[in-house]
Amino acid sequence: MVANLQPFSHPSLRENFSEYVAHLQLHMALQARNLVPTLTTTTSRREQFLHQTQADFEKFVSRQRL
């Protein structure tokens, strides 16, 4: 099966893809530095808060324009 490799023709598709790539790059960088919490079930409210804060921060940073 051959994928259709046409460039993005619509600017919003390009922006969405760019945001996705930025988010993925940030996540990979944080994970490489062990700053991303593991995806296990958390038992304490403190851990849950930490995981949610990290996710919110990653989302916020990935949507910033450089």
C-alpha atoms as a PDB file:
ATOM      1  CA  MET A   1       0.000   0.000   0.000  1.00  0.00           C
ATOM      2  CA  VAL A   2       1.466   3.337  -1.052  1.00  0.00           C
ATOM      3  CA  ALA A   3       0.639   6.440   0.964  1.00  0.00           C
ATOM      4  CA  ASN A   4      -0.395   9.619  -0.796  1.00  0.00           C
ATOM      5  CA  LEU A   5       2.421  12.029   0.121  1.00  0.00           C
ATOM      6  CA  GLN A   6       1.006  15.365  -0.988  1.00  0.00           C
ATOM      7  CA  PRO A   7       1.970  18.503   0.951  1.00  0.00           C
ATOM      8  CA  PHE A   8      -0.673  20.038   3.184  1.00  0.00           C
ATOM      9  CA  SER A   9      -2.747  22.340   1.016  1.00  0.00           C
ATOM     10  CA  HIS A  10      -4.826  23.957   3.732  1.00  0.00           C
ATOM     11  CA  PRO A  11      -3.052  26.256   6.261  1.00  0.00           C
ATOM     12  CA  SER A  12      -5.070  24.974   9.233  1.00  0.00           C
ATOM     13  CA  LEU A  13      -3.970  21.394   8.511  1.00  0.00           C
ATOM     14  CA  ARG A  14      -0.375  22.567   8.432  1.00  0.00           C
ATOM     15  CA  GLU A  15      -0.824  24.379  11.765  1.00  0.00           C
ATOM     16  CA  ASN A  16      -2.514  21.385  13.388  1.00  0.00           C
ATOM     17  CA  PHE A  17       0.277  19.104  12.235  1.00  0.00           C
ATOM     18  CA  SER A  18       2.874  21.616  13.408  1.00  0.00           C
ATOM     19  CA  GLU A  19       1.242  21.741  16.855  1.00  0.00           C
ATOM     20  CA  TYR A  20       1.184  17.964  17.019  1.00  0.00           C
ATOM     21  CA  VAL A  21       4.875  17.721  16.125  1.00  0.00           C
ATOM     22  CA  ALA A  22       5.797  20.399  18.678  1.00  0.00           C
ATOM     23  CA  HIS A  23       3.849  18.569  21.372  1.00  0.00           C
ATOM     24  CA  LEU A  24       5.452  15.261  20.459  1.00  0.00           C
ATOM     25  CA  GLN A  25       8.951  16.772  20.486  1.00  0.00           C
ATOM     26  CA  LEU A  26       8.370  18.347  23.892  1.00  0.00           C
ATOM     27  CA  HIS A  27       6.992  15.123  25.311  1.00  0.00           C
ATOM     28  CA  MET A  28       9.956  13.153  23.980  1.00  0.00           C
ATOM     29  CA  ALA A  29      12.427  15.673  25.419  1.00  0.00           C
ATOM     30  CA  LEU A  30      10.759  15.594  28.831  1.00  0.00           C
ATOM     31  CA  GLN A  31      10.551  11.817  28.757  1.00  0.00           C
ATOM     32  CA  ALA A  32      14.259  11.612  27.916  1.00  0.00           C
ATOM     33  CA  ARG A  33      14.963  13.650  31.033  1.00  0.00           C
ATOM     34  CA  ASN A  34      12.567  11.524  33.093  1.00  0.00           C
ATOM     35  CA  LEU A  35      10.314  14.520  33.741  1.00  0.00           C
ATOM     36  CA  VAL A  36       7.161  12.855  32.453  1.00  0.00           C
ATOM     37  CA  PRO A  37       5.305  10.811  35.052  1.00  0.00           C
ATOM     38  CA  THR A  38       4.756   7.166  34.272  1.00  0.00           C
ATOM     39  CA  LEU A  39       1.370   6.073  32.958  1.00  0.00           C
ATOM     40  CA  THR A  40       0.466   3.933  35.941  1.00  0.00           C
ATOM     41  CA  THR A  41      -2.603   4.241  38.089  1.00  0.00           C
ATOM     42  CA  THR A  42      -1.979   6.688  40.884  1.00  0.00           C
ATOM     43  CA  THR A  43      -3.173   6.089  44.374  1.00  0.00           C
ATOM     44  CA  SER A  44      -2.603   9.382  46.108  1.00  0.00           C
ATOM     45  CA  ARG A  45      -4.283  12.701  45.381  1.00  0.00           C
ATOM     46  CA  ARG A  46      -0.826  14.303  45.307  1.00  0.00           C
ATOM     47  CA  GLU A  47       0.322  12.023  42.470  1.00  0.00           C
ATOM     48  CA  GLN A  48      -2.913  12.608  40.560  1.00  0.00           C
ATOM     49  CA  PHE A  49      -2.451  16.361  40.913  1.00  0.00           C
ATOM     50  CA  LEU A  50       1.175  16.096  39.756  1.00  0.00           C
ATOM     51  CA  HIS A  51       0.221  14.063  36.677  1.00  0.00           C
ATOM     52  CA  GLN A  52      -2.588  16.449  35.724  1.00  0.00           C
ATOM     53  CA  THR A  53      -0.369  19.502  36.236  1.00  0.00           C
ATOM     54  CA  GLN A  54       2.348  17.969  34.044  1.00  0.00           C
ATOM     55  CA  ALA A  55      -0.168  17.153  31.295  1.00  0.00           C
ATOM     56  CA  ASP A  56      -1.662  20.660  31.424  1.00  0.00           C
ATOM     57  CA  PHE A  57       1.788  22.259  31.306  1.00  0.00           C
ATOM     58  CA  GLU A  58       2.859  20.145  28.314  1.00  0.00           C
ATOM     59  CA  LYS A  59      -0.352  21.061  26.505  1.00  0.00           C
ATOM     60  CA  PHE A  60       0.144  24.772  27.242  1.00  0.00           C
ATOM     61  CA  VAL A  61       3.791  24.826  26.138  1.00  0.00           C
ATOM     62  CA  SER A  62       3.138  22.834  22.979  1.00  0.00           C
ATOM     63  CA  ARG A  63       0.582  25.417  21.843  1.00  0.00           C
ATOM     64  CA  GLN A  64       2.883  28.419  22.237  1.00  0.00           C
ATOM     65  CA  ARG A  65       4.125  30.056  19.045  1.00  0.00           C
ATOM     66  CA  LEU A  66       7.863  30.434  18.709  1.00  0.00           C
END
